[in-house]
Amino acid sequence: SLVLLVSVSFSTVSMGAEKPFAKGK
């Protein structure tokens, strides 16, 4: 469960960190 929680959390952070290439451009 902990592994799954960490994986989901990491994926969520990664997705949130992906900035659209044209944002603010």
PDBML (XML) file of the C-alpha atoms, coordinates in Angstrom:
<?xml version="1.0" encoding="UTF-8" ?>
<PDBx:datablock datablockName="MODEL"
   xmlns:PDBx="http://pdbml.pdb.org/schema/pdbx-v50.xsd"
   xmlns:xsi="http://www.w3.org/2001/XMLSchema-instance"
   xsi:schemaLocation="http://pdbml.pdb.org/schema/pdbx-v50.xsd pdbx-v50.xsd">
   <PDBx:atom_siteCategory>
      <PDBx:atom_site id="1">
         <PDBx:B_iso_or_equiv>0.00</PDBx:B_iso_or_equiv>
         <PDBx:Cartn_x>0.000</PDBx:Cartn_x>
         <PDBx:Cartn_y>0.000</PDBx:Cartn_y>
         <PDBx:Cartn_z>0.000</PDBx:Cartn_z>
         <PDBx:auth_asym_id>A</PDBx:auth_asym_id>
         <PDBx:auth_atom_id>CA</PDBx:auth_atom_id>
         <PDBx:auth_comp_id>SER</PDBx:auth_comp_id>
         <PDBx:auth_seq_id>1</PDBx:auth_seq_id>
         <PDBx:group_PDB>ATOM</PDBx:group_PDB>
         <PDBx:label_alt_id xsi:nil="true" />
         <PDBx:label_asym_id>A</PDBx:label_asym_id>
         <PDBx:label_atom_id>CA</PDBx:label_atom_id>
         <PDBx:label_comp_id>SER</PDBx:label_comp_id>
         <PDBx:label_entity_id>1</PDBx:label_entity_id>
         <PDBx:label_seq_id>1</PDBx:label_seq_id>
         <PDBx:occupancy>1.00</PDBx:occupancy>
         <PDBx:pdbx_PDB_model_num>1</PDBx:pdbx_PDB_model_num>
         <PDBx:type_symbol>C</PDBx:type_symbol>
      </PDBx:atom_site>
      <PDBx:atom_site id="2">
         <PDBx:B_iso_or_equiv>0.00</PDBx:B_iso_or_equiv>
         <PDBx:Cartn_x>2.832</PDBx:Cartn_x>
         <PDBx:Cartn_y>2.352</PDBx:Cartn_y>
         <PDBx:Cartn_z>0.881</PDBx:Cartn_z>
         <PDBx:auth_asym_id>A</PDBx:auth_asym_id>
         <PDBx:auth_atom_id>CA</PDBx:auth_atom_id>
         <PDBx:auth_comp_id>LEU</PDBx:auth_comp_id>
         <PDBx:auth_seq_id>2</PDBx:auth_seq_id>
         <PDBx:group_PDB>ATOM</PDBx:group_PDB>
         <PDBx:label_alt_id xsi:nil="true" />
         <PDBx:label_asym_id>A</PDBx:label_asym_id>
         <PDBx:label_atom_id>CA</PDBx:label_atom_id>
         <PDBx:label_comp_id>LEU</PDBx:label_comp_id>
         <PDBx:label_entity_id>1</PDBx:label_entity_id>
         <PDBx:label_seq_id>2</PDBx:label_seq_id>
         <PDBx:occupancy>1.00</PDBx:occupancy>
         <PDBx:pdbx_PDB_model_num>1</PDBx:pdbx_PDB_model_num>
         <PDBx:type_symbol>C</PDBx:type_symbol>
      </PDBx:atom_site>
      <PDBx:atom_site id="3">
         <PDBx:B_iso_or_equiv>0.00</PDBx:B_iso_or_equiv>
         <PDBx:Cartn_x>4.596</PDBx:Cartn_x>
         <PDBx:Cartn_y>1.634</PDBx:Cartn_y>
         <PDBx:Cartn_z>-2.432</PDBx:Cartn_z>
         <PDBx:auth_asym_id>A</PDBx:auth_asym_id>
         <PDBx:auth_atom_id>CA</PDBx:auth_atom_id>
         <PDBx:auth_comp_id>VAL</PDBx:auth_comp_id>
         <PDBx:auth_seq_id>3</PDBx:auth_seq_id>
         <PDBx:group_PDB>ATOM</PDBx:group_PDB>
         <PDBx:label_alt_id xsi:nil="true" />
         <PDBx:label_asym_id>A</PDBx:label_asym_id>
         <PDBx:label_atom_id>CA</PDBx:label_atom_id>
         <PDBx:label_comp_id>VAL</PDBx:label_comp_id>
         <PDBx:label_entity_id>1</PDBx:label_entity_id>
         <PDBx:label_seq_id>3</PDBx:label_seq_id>
         <PDBx:occupancy>1.00</PDBx:occupancy>
         <PDBx:pdbx_PDB_model_num>1</PDBx:pdbx_PDB_model_num>
         <PDBx:type_symbol>C</PDBx:type_symbol>
      </PDBx:atom_site>
      <PDBx:atom_site id="4">
         <PDBx:B_iso_or_equiv>0.00</PDBx:B_iso_or_equiv>
         <PDBx:Cartn_x>1.371</PDBx:Cartn_x>
         <PDBx:Cartn_y>2.287</PDBx:Cartn_y>
         <PDBx:Cartn_z>-4.327</PDBx:Cartn_z>
         <PDBx:auth_asym_id>A</PDBx:auth_asym_id>
         <PDBx:auth_atom_id>CA</PDBx:auth_atom_id>
         <PDBx:auth_comp_id>LEU</PDBx:auth_comp_id>
         <PDBx:auth_seq_id>4</PDBx:auth_seq_id>
         <PDBx:group_PDB>ATOM</PDBx:group_PDB>
         <PDBx:label_alt_id xsi:nil="true" />
         <PDBx:label_asym_id>A</PDBx:label_asym_id>
         <PDBx:label_atom_id>CA</PDBx:label_atom_id>
         <PDBx:label_comp_id>LEU</PDBx:label_comp_id>
         <PDBx:label_entity_id>1</PDBx:label_entity_id>
         <PDBx:label_seq_id>4</PDBx:label_seq_id>
         <PDBx:occupancy>1.00</PDBx:occupancy>
         <PDBx:pdbx_PDB_model_num>1</PDBx:pdbx_PDB_model_num>
         <PDBx:type_symbol>C</PDBx:type_symbol>
      </PDBx:atom_site>
      <PDBx:atom_site id="5">
         <PDBx:B_iso_or_equiv>0.00</PDBx:B_iso_or_equiv>
         <PDBx:Cartn_x>0.776</PDBx:Cartn_x>
         <PDBx:Cartn_y>5.513</PDBx:Cartn_y>
         <PDBx:Cartn_z>-2.390</PDBx:Cartn_z>
         <PDBx:auth_asym_id>A</PDBx:auth_asym_id>
         <PDBx:auth_atom_id>CA</PDBx:auth_atom_id>
         <PDBx:auth_comp_id>LEU</PDBx:auth_comp_id>
         <PDBx:auth_seq_id>5</PDBx:auth_seq_id>
         <PDBx:group_PDB>ATOM</PDBx:group_PDB>
         <PDBx:label_alt_id xsi:nil="true" />
         <PDBx:label_asym_id>A</PDBx:label_asym_id>
         <PDBx:label_atom_id>CA</PDBx:label_atom_id>
         <PDBx:label_comp_id>LEU</PDBx:label_comp_id>
         <PDBx:label_entity_id>1</PDBx:label_entity_id>
         <PDBx:label_seq_id>5</PDBx:label_seq_id>
         <PDBx:occupancy>1.00</PDBx:occupancy>
         <PDBx:pdbx_PDB_model_num>1</PDBx:pdbx_PDB_model_num>
         <PDBx:type_symbol>C</PDBx:type_symbol>
      </PDBx:atom_site>
      <PDBx:atom_site id="6">
         <PDBx:B_iso_or_equiv>0.00</PDBx:B_iso_or_equiv>
         <PDBx:Cartn_x>4.305</PDBx:Cartn_x>
         <PDBx:Cartn_y>6.753</PDBx:Cartn_y>
         <PDBx:Cartn_z>-3.081</PDBx:Cartn_z>
         <PDBx:auth_asym_id>A</PDBx:auth_asym_id>
         <PDBx:auth_atom_id>CA</PDBx:auth_atom_id>
         <PDBx:auth_comp_id>VAL</PDBx:auth_comp_id>
         <PDBx:auth_seq_id>6</PDBx:auth_seq_id>
         <PDBx:group_PDB>ATOM</PDBx:group_PDB>
         <PDBx:label_alt_id xsi:nil="true" />
         <PDBx:label_asym_id>A</PDBx:label_asym_id>
         <PDBx:label_atom_id>CA</PDBx:label_atom_id>
         <PDBx:label_comp_id>VAL</PDBx:label_comp_id>
         <PDBx:label_entity_id>1</PDBx:label_entity_id>
         <PDBx:label_seq_id>6</PDBx:label_seq_id>
         <PDBx:occupancy>1.00</PDBx:occupancy>
         <PDBx:pdbx_PDB_model_num>1</PDBx:pdbx_PDB_model_num>
         <PDBx:type_symbol>C</PDBx:type_symbol>
      </PDBx:atom_site>
      <PDBx:atom_site id="7">
         <PDBx:B_iso_or_equiv>0.00</PDBx:B_iso_or_equiv>
         <PDBx:Cartn_x>3.985</PDBx:Cartn_x>
         <PDBx:Cartn_y>5.866</PDBx:Cartn_y>
         <PDBx:Cartn_z>-6.795</PDBx:Cartn_z>
         <PDBx:auth_asym_id>A</PDBx:auth_asym_id>
         <PDBx:auth_atom_id>CA</PDBx:auth_atom_id>
         <PDBx:auth_comp_id>SER</PDBx:auth_comp_id>
         <PDBx:auth_seq_id>7</PDBx:auth_seq_id>
         <PDBx:group_PDB>ATOM</PDBx:group_PDB>
         <PDBx:label_alt_id xsi:nil="true" />
         <PDBx:label_asym_id>A</PDBx:label_asym_id>
         <PDBx:label_atom_id>CA</PDBx:label_atom_id>
         <PDBx:label_comp_id>SER</PDBx:label_comp_id>
         <PDBx:label_entity_id>1</PDBx:label_entity_id>
         <PDBx:label_seq_id>7</PDBx:label_seq_id>
         <PDBx:occupancy>1.00</PDBx:occupancy>
         <PDBx:pdbx_PDB_model_num>1</PDBx:pdbx_PDB_model_num>
         <PDBx:type_symbol>C</PDBx:type_symbol>
      </PDBx:atom_site>
      <PDBx:atom_site id="8">
         <PDBx:B_iso_or_equiv>0.00</PDBx:B_iso_or_equiv>
         <PDBx:Cartn_x>0.692</PDBx:Cartn_x>
         <PDBx:Cartn_y>7.691</PDBx:Cartn_y>
         <PDBx:Cartn_z>-7.141</PDBx:Cartn_z>
         <PDBx:auth_asym_id>A</PDBx:auth_asym_id>
         <PDBx:auth_atom_id>CA</PDBx:auth_atom_id>
         <PDBx:auth_comp_id>VAL</PDBx:auth_comp_id>
         <PDBx:auth_seq_id>8</PDBx:auth_seq_id>
         <PDBx:group_PDB>ATOM</PDBx:group_PDB>
         <PDBx:label_alt_id xsi:nil="true" />
         <PDBx:label_asym_id>A</PDBx:label_asym_id>
         <PDBx:label_atom_id>CA</PDBx:label_atom_id>
         <PDBx:label_comp_id>VAL</PDBx:label_comp_id>
         <PDBx:label_entity_id>1</PDBx:label_entity_id>
         <PDBx:label_seq_id>8</PDBx:label_seq_id>
         <PDBx:occupancy>1.00</PDBx:occupancy>
         <PDBx:pdbx_PDB_model_num>1</PDBx:pdbx_PDB_model_num>
         <PDBx:type_symbol>C</PDBx:type_symbol>
      </PDBx:atom_site>
      <PDBx:atom_site id="9">
         <PDBx:B_iso_or_equiv>0.00</PDBx:B_iso_or_equiv>
         <PDBx:Cartn_x>2.023</PDBx:Cartn_x>
         <PDBx:Cartn_y>10.687</PDBx:Cartn_y>
         <PDBx:Cartn_z>-5.230</PDBx:Cartn_z>
         <PDBx:auth_asym_id>A</PDBx:auth_asym_id>
         <PDBx:auth_atom_id>CA</PDBx:auth_atom_id>
         <PDBx:auth_comp_id>SER</PDBx:auth_comp_id>
         <PDBx:auth_seq_id>9</PDBx:auth_seq_id>
         <PDBx:group_PDB>ATOM</PDBx:group_PDB>
         <PDBx:label_alt_id xsi:nil="true" />
         <PDBx:label_asym_id>A</PDBx:label_asym_id>
         <PDBx:label_atom_id>CA</PDBx:label_atom_id>
         <PDBx:label_comp_id>SER</PDBx:label_comp_id>
         <PDBx:label_entity_id>1</PDBx:label_entity_id>
         <PDBx:label_seq_id>9</PDBx:label_seq_id>
         <PDBx:occupancy>1.00</PDBx:occupancy>
         <PDBx:pdbx_PDB_model_num>1</PDBx:pdbx_PDB_model_num>
         <PDBx:type_symbol>C</PDBx:type_symbol>
      </PDBx:atom_site>
      <PDBx:atom_site id="10">
         <PDBx:B_iso_or_equiv>0.00</PDBx:B_iso_or_equiv>
         <PDBx:Cartn_x>5.172</PDBx:Cartn_x>
         <PDBx:Cartn_y>10.813</PDBx:Cartn_y>
         <PDBx:Cartn_z>-7.371</PDBx:Cartn_z>
         <PDBx:auth_asym_id>A</PDBx:auth_asym_id>
         <PDBx:auth_atom_id>CA</PDBx:auth_atom_id>
         <PDBx:auth_comp_id>PHE</PDBx:auth_comp_id>
         <PDBx:auth_seq_id>10</PDBx:auth_seq_id>
         <PDBx:group_PDB>ATOM</PDBx:group_PDB>
         <PDBx:label_alt_id xsi:nil="true" />
         <PDBx:label_asym_id>A</PDBx:label_asym_id>
         <PDBx:label_atom_id>CA</PDBx:label_atom_id>
         <PDBx:label_comp_id>PHE</PDBx:label_comp_id>
         <PDBx:label_entity_id>1</PDBx:label_entity_id>
         <PDBx:label_seq_id>10</PDBx:label_seq_id>
         <PDBx:occupancy>1.00</PDBx:occupancy>
         <PDBx:pdbx_PDB_model_num>1</PDBx:pdbx_PDB_model_num>
         <PDBx:type_symbol>C</PDBx:type_symbol>
      </PDBx:atom_site>
      <PDBx:atom_site id="11">
         <PDBx:B_iso_or_equiv>0.00</PDBx:B_iso_or_equiv>
         <PDBx:Cartn_x>3.145</PDBx:Cartn_x>
         <PDBx:Cartn_y>10.546</PDBx:Cartn_y>
         <PDBx:Cartn_z>-10.585</PDBx:Cartn_z>
         <PDBx:auth_asym_id>A</PDBx:auth_asym_id>
         <PDBx:auth_atom_id>CA</PDBx:auth_atom_id>
         <PDBx:auth_comp_id>SER</PDBx:auth_comp_id>
         <PDBx:auth_seq_id>11</PDBx:auth_seq_id>
         <PDBx:group_PDB>ATOM</PDBx:group_PDB>
         <PDBx:label_alt_id xsi:nil="true" />
         <PDBx:label_asym_id>A</PDBx:label_asym_id>
         <PDBx:label_atom_id>CA</PDBx:label_atom_id>
         <PDBx:label_comp_id>SER</PDBx:label_comp_id>
         <PDBx:label_entity_id>1</PDBx:label_entity_id>
         <PDBx:label_seq_id>11</PDBx:label_seq_id>
         <PDBx:occupancy>1.00</PDBx:occupancy>
         <PDBx:pdbx_PDB_model_num>1</PDBx:pdbx_PDB_model_num>
         <PDBx:type_symbol>C</PDBx:type_symbol>
      </PDBx:atom_site>
      <PDBx:atom_site id="12">
         <PDBx:B_iso_or_equiv>0.00</PDBx:B_iso_or_equiv>
         <PDBx:Cartn_x>0.833</PDBx:Cartn_x>
         <PDBx:Cartn_y>13.302</PDBx:Cartn_y>
         <PDBx:Cartn_z>-9.433</PDBx:Cartn_z>
         <PDBx:auth_asym_id>A</PDBx:auth_asym_id>
         <PDBx:auth_atom_id>CA</PDBx:auth_atom_id>
         <PDBx:auth_comp_id>THR</PDBx:auth_comp_id>
         <PDBx:auth_seq_id>12</PDBx:auth_seq_id>
         <PDBx:group_PDB>ATOM</PDBx:group_PDB>
         <PDBx:label_alt_id xsi:nil="true" />
         <PDBx:label_asym_id>A</PDBx:label_asym_id>
         <PDBx:label_atom_id>CA</PDBx:label_atom_id>
         <PDBx:label_comp_id>THR</PDBx:label_comp_id>
         <PDBx:label_entity_id>1</PDBx:label_entity_id>
         <PDBx:label_seq_id>12</PDBx:label_seq_id>
         <PDBx:occupancy>1.00</PDBx:occupancy>
         <PDBx:pdbx_PDB_model_num>1</PDBx:pdbx_PDB_model_num>
         <PDBx:type_symbol>C</PDBx:type_symbol>
      </PDBx:atom_site>
      <PDBx:atom_site id="13">
         <PDBx:B_iso_or_equiv>0.00</PDBx:B_iso_or_equiv>
         <PDBx:Cartn_x>3.757</PDBx:Cartn_x>
         <PDBx:Cartn_y>15.578</PDBx:Cartn_y>
         <PDBx:Cartn_z>-8.622</PDBx:Cartn_z>
         <PDBx:auth_asym_id>A</PDBx:auth_asym_id>
         <PDBx:auth_atom_id>CA</PDBx:auth_atom_id>
         <PDBx:auth_comp_id>VAL</PDBx:auth_comp_id>
         <PDBx:auth_seq_id>13</PDBx:auth_seq_id>
         <PDBx:group_PDB>ATOM</PDBx:group_PDB>
         <PDBx:label_alt_id xsi:nil="true" />
         <PDBx:label_asym_id>A</PDBx:label_asym_id>
         <PDBx:label_atom_id>CA</PDBx:label_atom_id>
         <PDBx:label_comp_id>VAL</PDBx:label_comp_id>
         <PDBx:label_entity_id>1</PDBx:label_entity_id>
         <PDBx:label_seq_id>13</PDBx:label_seq_id>
         <PDBx:occupancy>1.00</PDBx:occupancy>
         <PDBx:pdbx_PDB_model_num>1</PDBx:pdbx_PDB_model_num>
         <PDBx:type_symbol>C</PDBx:type_symbol>
      </PDBx:atom_site>
      <PDBx:atom_site id="14">
         <PDBx:B_iso_or_equiv>0.00</PDBx:B_iso_or_equiv>
         <PDBx:Cartn_x>5.384</PDBx:Cartn_x>
         <PDBx:Cartn_y>14.782</PDBx:Cartn_y>
         <PDBx:Cartn_z>-11.979</PDBx:Cartn_z>
         <PDBx:auth_asym_id>A</PDBx:auth_asym_id>
         <PDBx:auth_atom_id>CA</PDBx:auth_atom_id>
         <PDBx:auth_comp_id>SER</PDBx:auth_comp_id>
         <PDBx:auth_seq_id>14</PDBx:auth_seq_id>
         <PDBx:group_PDB>ATOM</PDBx:group_PDB>
         <PDBx:label_alt_id xsi:nil="true" />
         <PDBx:label_asym_id>A</PDBx:label_asym_id>
         <PDBx:label_atom_id>CA</PDBx:label_atom_id>
         <PDBx:label_comp_id>SER</PDBx:label_comp_id>
         <PDBx:label_entity_id>1</PDBx:label_entity_id>
         <PDBx:label_seq_id>14</PDBx:label_seq_id>
         <PDBx:occupancy>1.00</PDBx:occupancy>
         <PDBx:pdbx_PDB_model_num>1</PDBx:pdbx_PDB_model_num>
         <PDBx:type_symbol>C</PDBx:type_symbol>
      </PDBx:atom_site>
      <PDBx:atom_site id="15">
         <PDBx:B_iso_or_equiv>0.00</PDBx:B_iso_or_equiv>
         <PDBx:Cartn_x>2.199</PDBx:Cartn_x>
         <PDBx:Cartn_y>15.505</PDBx:Cartn_y>
         <PDBx:Cartn_z>-13.911</PDBx:Cartn_z>
         <PDBx:auth_asym_id>A</PDBx:auth_asym_id>
         <PDBx:auth_atom_id>CA</PDBx:auth_atom_id>
         <PDBx:auth_comp_id>MET</PDBx:auth_comp_id>
         <PDBx:auth_seq_id>15</PDBx:auth_seq_id>
         <PDBx:group_PDB>ATOM</PDBx:group_PDB>
         <PDBx:label_alt_id xsi:nil="true" />
         <PDBx:label_asym_id>A</PDBx:label_asym_id>
         <PDBx:label_atom_id>CA</PDBx:label_atom_id>
         <PDBx:label_comp_id>MET</PDBx:label_comp_id>
         <PDBx:label_entity_id>1</PDBx:label_entity_id>
         <PDBx:label_seq_id>15</PDBx:label_seq_id>
         <PDBx:occupancy>1.00</PDBx:occupancy>
         <PDBx:pdbx_PDB_model_num>1</PDBx:pdbx_PDB_model_num>
         <PDBx:type_symbol>C</PDBx:type_symbol>
      </PDBx:atom_site>
      <PDBx:atom_site id="16">
         <PDBx:B_iso_or_equiv>0.00</PDBx:B_iso_or_equiv>
         <PDBx:Cartn_x>1.666</PDBx:Cartn_x>
         <PDBx:Cartn_y>18.705</PDBx:Cartn_y>
         <PDBx:Cartn_z>-12.017</PDBx:Cartn_z>
         <PDBx:auth_asym_id>A</PDBx:auth_asym_id>
         <PDBx:auth_atom_id>CA</PDBx:auth_atom_id>
         <PDBx:auth_comp_id>GLY</PDBx:auth_comp_id>
         <PDBx:auth_seq_id>16</PDBx:auth_seq_id>
         <PDBx:group_PDB>ATOM</PDBx:group_PDB>
         <PDBx:label_alt_id xsi:nil="true" />
         <PDBx:label_asym_id>A</PDBx:label_asym_id>
         <PDBx:label_atom_id>CA</PDBx:label_atom_id>
         <PDBx:label_comp_id>GLY</PDBx:label_comp_id>
         <PDBx:label_entity_id>1</PDBx:label_entity_id>
         <PDBx:label_seq_id>16</PDBx:label_seq_id>
         <PDBx:occupancy>1.00</PDBx:occupancy>
         <PDBx:pdbx_PDB_model_num>1</PDBx:pdbx_PDB_model_num>
         <PDBx:type_symbol>C</PDBx:type_symbol>
      </PDBx:atom_site>
      <PDBx:atom_site id="17">
         <PDBx:B_iso_or_equiv>0.00</PDBx:B_iso_or_equiv>
         <PDBx:Cartn_x>5.243</PDBx:Cartn_x>
         <PDBx:Cartn_y>19.737</PDBx:Cartn_y>
         <PDBx:Cartn_z>-12.724</PDBx:Cartn_z>
         <PDBx:auth_asym_id>A</PDBx:auth_asym_id>
         <PDBx:auth_atom_id>CA</PDBx:auth_atom_id>
         <PDBx:auth_comp_id>ALA</PDBx:auth_comp_id>
         <PDBx:auth_seq_id>17</PDBx:auth_seq_id>
         <PDBx:group_PDB>ATOM</PDBx:group_PDB>
         <PDBx:label_alt_id xsi:nil="true" />
         <PDBx:label_asym_id>A</PDBx:label_asym_id>
         <PDBx:label_atom_id>CA</PDBx:label_atom_id>
         <PDBx:label_comp_id>ALA</PDBx:label_comp_id>
         <PDBx:label_entity_id>1</PDBx:label_entity_id>
         <PDBx:label_seq_id>17</PDBx:label_seq_id>
         <PDBx:occupancy>1.00</PDBx:occupancy>
         <PDBx:pdbx_PDB_model_num>1</PDBx:pdbx_PDB_model_num>
         <PDBx:type_symbol>C</PDBx:type_symbol>
      </PDBx:atom_site>
      <PDBx:atom_site id="18">
         <PDBx:B_iso_or_equiv>0.00</PDBx:B_iso_or_equiv>
         <PDBx:Cartn_x>4.834</PDBx:Cartn_x>
         <PDBx:Cartn_y>19.320</PDBx:Cartn_y>
         <PDBx:Cartn_z>-16.500</PDBx:Cartn_z>
         <PDBx:auth_asym_id>A</PDBx:auth_asym_id>
         <PDBx:auth_atom_id>CA</PDBx:auth_atom_id>
         <PDBx:auth_comp_id>GLU</PDBx:auth_comp_id>
         <PDBx:auth_seq_id>18</PDBx:auth_seq_id>
         <PDBx:group_PDB>ATOM</PDBx:group_PDB>
         <PDBx:label_alt_id xsi:nil="true" />
         <PDBx:label_asym_id>A</PDBx:label_asym_id>
         <PDBx:label_atom_id>CA</PDBx:label_atom_id>
         <PDBx:label_comp_id>GLU</PDBx:label_comp_id>
         <PDBx:label_entity_id>1</PDBx:label_entity_id>
         <PDBx:label_seq_id>18</PDBx:label_seq_id>
         <PDBx:occupancy>1.00</PDBx:occupancy>
         <PDBx:pdbx_PDB_model_num>1</PDBx:pdbx_PDB_model_num>
         <PDBx:type_symbol>C</PDBx:type_symbol>
      </PDBx:atom_site>
      <PDBx:atom_site id="19">
         <PDBx:B_iso_or_equiv>0.00</PDBx:B_iso_or_equiv>
         <PDBx:Cartn_x>4.421</PDBx:Cartn_x>
         <PDBx:Cartn_y>22.879</PDBx:Cartn_y>
         <PDBx:Cartn_z>-17.711</PDBx:Cartn_z>
         <PDBx:auth_asym_id>A</PDBx:auth_asym_id>
         <PDBx:auth_atom_id>CA</PDBx:auth_atom_id>
         <PDBx:auth_comp_id>LYS</PDBx:auth_comp_id>
         <PDBx:auth_seq_id>19</PDBx:auth_seq_id>
         <PDBx:group_PDB>ATOM</PDBx:group_PDB>
         <PDBx:label_alt_id xsi:nil="true" />
         <PDBx:label_asym_id>A</PDBx:label_asym_id>
         <PDBx:label_atom_id>CA</PDBx:label_atom_id>
         <PDBx:label_comp_id>LYS</PDBx:label_comp_id>
         <PDBx:label_entity_id>1</PDBx:label_entity_id>
         <PDBx:label_seq_id>19</PDBx:label_seq_id>
         <PDBx:occupancy>1.00</PDBx:occupancy>
         <PDBx:pdbx_PDB_model_num>1</PDBx:pdbx_PDB_model_num>
         <PDBx:type_symbol>C</PDBx:type_symbol>
      </PDBx:atom_site>
      <PDBx:atom_site id="20">
         <PDBx:B_iso_or_equiv>0.00</PDBx:B_iso_or_equiv>
         <PDBx:Cartn_x>2.757</PDBx:Cartn_x>
         <PDBx:Cartn_y>23.272</PDBx:Cartn_y>
         <PDBx:Cartn_z>-21.136</PDBx:Cartn_z>
         <PDBx:auth_asym_id>A</PDBx:auth_asym_id>
         <PDBx:auth_atom_id>CA</PDBx:auth_atom_id>
         <PDBx:auth_comp_id>PRO</PDBx:auth_comp_id>
         <PDBx:auth_seq_id>20</PDBx:auth_seq_id>
         <PDBx:group_PDB>ATOM</PDBx:group_PDB>
         <PDBx:label_alt_id xsi:nil="true" />
         <PDBx:label_asym_id>A</PDBx:label_asym_id>
         <PDBx:label_atom_id>CA</PDBx:label_atom_id>
         <PDBx:label_comp_id>PRO</PDBx:label_comp_id>
         <PDBx:label_entity_id>1</PDBx:label_entity_id>
         <PDBx:label_seq_id>20</PDBx:label_seq_id>
         <PDBx:occupancy>1.00</PDBx:occupancy>
         <PDBx:pdbx_PDB_model_num>1</PDBx:pdbx_PDB_model_num>
         <PDBx:type_symbol>C</PDBx:type_symbol>
      </PDBx:atom_site>
      <PDBx:atom_site id="21">
         <PDBx:B_iso_or_equiv>0.00</PDBx:B_iso_or_equiv>
         <PDBx:Cartn_x>5.406</PDBx:Cartn_x>
         <PDBx:Cartn_y>24.334</PDBx:Cartn_y>
         <PDBx:Cartn_z>-23.673</PDBx:Cartn_z>
         <PDBx:auth_asym_id>A</PDBx:auth_asym_id>
         <PDBx:auth_atom_id>CA</PDBx:auth_atom_id>
         <PDBx:auth_comp_id>PHE</PDBx:auth_comp_id>
         <PDBx:auth_seq_id>21</PDBx:auth_seq_id>
         <PDBx:group_PDB>ATOM</PDBx:group_PDB>
         <PDBx:label_alt_id xsi:nil="true" />
         <PDBx:label_asym_id>A</PDBx:label_asym_id>
         <PDBx:label_atom_id>CA</PDBx:label_atom_id>
         <PDBx:label_comp_id>PHE</PDBx:label_comp_id>
         <PDBx:label_entity_id>1</PDBx:label_entity_id>
         <PDBx:label_seq_id>21</PDBx:label_seq_id>
         <PDBx:occupancy>1.00</PDBx:occupancy>
         <PDBx:pdbx_PDB_model_num>1</PDBx:pdbx_PDB_model_num>
         <PDBx:type_symbol>C</PDBx:type_symbol>
      </PDBx:atom_site>
      <PDBx:atom_site id="22">
         <PDBx:B_iso_or_equiv>0.00</PDBx:B_iso_or_equiv>
         <PDBx:Cartn_x>3.408</PDBx:Cartn_x>
         <PDBx:Cartn_y>27.438</PDBx:Cartn_y>
         <PDBx:Cartn_z>-24.630</PDBx:Cartn_z>
         <PDBx:auth_asym_id>A</PDBx:auth_asym_id>
         <PDBx:auth_atom_id>CA</PDBx:auth_atom_id>
         <PDBx:auth_comp_id>ALA</PDBx:auth_comp_id>
         <PDBx:auth_seq_id>22</PDBx:auth_seq_id>
         <PDBx:group_PDB>ATOM</PDBx:group_PDB>
         <PDBx:label_alt_id xsi:nil="true" />
         <PDBx:label_asym_id>A</PDBx:label_asym_id>
         <PDBx:label_atom_id>CA</PDBx:label_atom_id>
         <PDBx:label_comp_id>ALA</PDBx:label_comp_id>
         <PDBx:label_entity_id>1</PDBx:label_entity_id>
         <PDBx:label_seq_id>22</PDBx:label_seq_id>
         <PDBx:occupancy>1.00</PDBx:occupancy>
         <PDBx:pdbx_PDB_model_num>1</PDBx:pdbx_PDB_model_num>
         <PDBx:type_symbol>C</PDBx:type_symbol>
      </PDBx:atom_site>
      <PDBx:atom_site id="23">
         <PDBx:B_iso_or_equiv>0.00</PDBx:B_iso_or_equiv>
         <PDBx:Cartn_x>2.286</PDBx:Cartn_x>
         <PDBx:Cartn_y>28.579</PDBx:Cartn_y>
         <PDBx:Cartn_z>-21.186</PDBx:Cartn_z>
         <PDBx:auth_asym_id>A</PDBx:auth_asym_id>
         <PDBx:auth_atom_id>CA</PDBx:auth_atom_id>
         <PDBx:auth_comp_id>LYS</PDBx:auth_comp_id>
         <PDBx:auth_seq_id>23</PDBx:auth_seq_id>
         <PDBx:group_PDB>ATOM</PDBx:group_PDB>
         <PDBx:label_alt_id xsi:nil="true" />
         <PDBx:label_asym_id>A</PDBx:label_asym_id>
         <PDBx:label_atom_id>CA</PDBx:label_atom_id>
         <PDBx:label_comp_id>LYS</PDBx:label_comp_id>
         <PDBx:label_entity_id>1</PDBx:label_entity_id>
         <PDBx:label_seq_id>23</PDBx:label_seq_id>
         <PDBx:occupancy>1.00</PDBx:occupancy>
         <PDBx:pdbx_PDB_model_num>1</PDBx:pdbx_PDB_model_num>
         <PDBx:type_symbol>C</PDBx:type_symbol>
      </PDBx:atom_site>
      <PDBx:atom_site id="24">
         <PDBx:B_iso_or_equiv>0.00</PDBx:B_iso_or_equiv>
         <PDBx:Cartn_x>3.026</PDBx:Cartn_x>
         <PDBx:Cartn_y>32.278</PDBx:Cartn_y>
         <PDBx:Cartn_z>-20.751</PDBx:Cartn_z>
         <PDBx:auth_asym_id>A</PDBx:auth_asym_id>
         <PDBx:auth_atom_id>CA</PDBx:auth_atom_id>
         <PDBx:auth_comp_id>GLY</PDBx:auth_comp_id>
         <PDBx:auth_seq_id>24</PDBx:auth_seq_id>
         <PDBx:group_PDB>ATOM</PDBx:group_PDB>
         <PDBx:label_alt_id xsi:nil="true" />
         <PDBx:label_asym_id>A</PDBx:label_asym_id>
         <PDBx:label_atom_id>CA</PDBx:label_atom_id>
         <PDBx:label_comp_id>GLY</PDBx:label_comp_id>
         <PDBx:label_entity_id>1</PDBx:label_entity_id>
         <PDBx:label_seq_id>24</PDBx:label_seq_id>
         <PDBx:occupancy>1.00</PDBx:occupancy>
         <PDBx:pdbx_PDB_model_num>1</PDBx:pdbx_PDB_model_num>
         <PDBx:type_symbol>C</PDBx:type_symbol>
      </PDBx:atom_site>
      <PDBx:atom_site id="25">
         <PDBx:B_iso_or_equiv>0.00</PDBx:B_iso_or_equiv>
         <PDBx:Cartn_x>4.589</PDBx:Cartn_x>
         <PDBx:Cartn_y>32.332</PDBx:Cartn_y>
         <PDBx:Cartn_z>-24.224</PDBx:Cartn_z>
         <PDBx:auth_asym_id>A</PDBx:auth_asym_id>
         <PDBx:auth_atom_id>CA</PDBx:auth_atom_id>
         <PDBx:auth_comp_id>LYS</PDBx:auth_comp_id>
         <PDBx:auth_seq_id>25</PDBx:auth_seq_id>
         <PDBx:group_PDB>ATOM</PDBx:group_PDB>
         <PDBx:label_alt_id xsi:nil="true" />
         <PDBx:label_asym_id>A</PDBx:label_asym_id>
         <PDBx:label_atom_id>CA</PDBx:label_atom_id>
         <PDBx:label_comp_id>LYS</PDBx:label_comp_id>
         <PDBx:label_entity_id>1</PDBx:label_entity_id>
         <PDBx:label_seq_id>25</PDBx:label_seq_id>
         <PDBx:occupancy>1.00</PDBx:occupancy>
         <PDBx:pdbx_PDB_model_num>1</PDBx:pdbx_PDB_model_num>
         <PDBx:type_symbol>C</PDBx:type_symbol>
      </PDBx:atom_site>
   </PDBx:atom_siteCategory>
</PDBx:datablock>
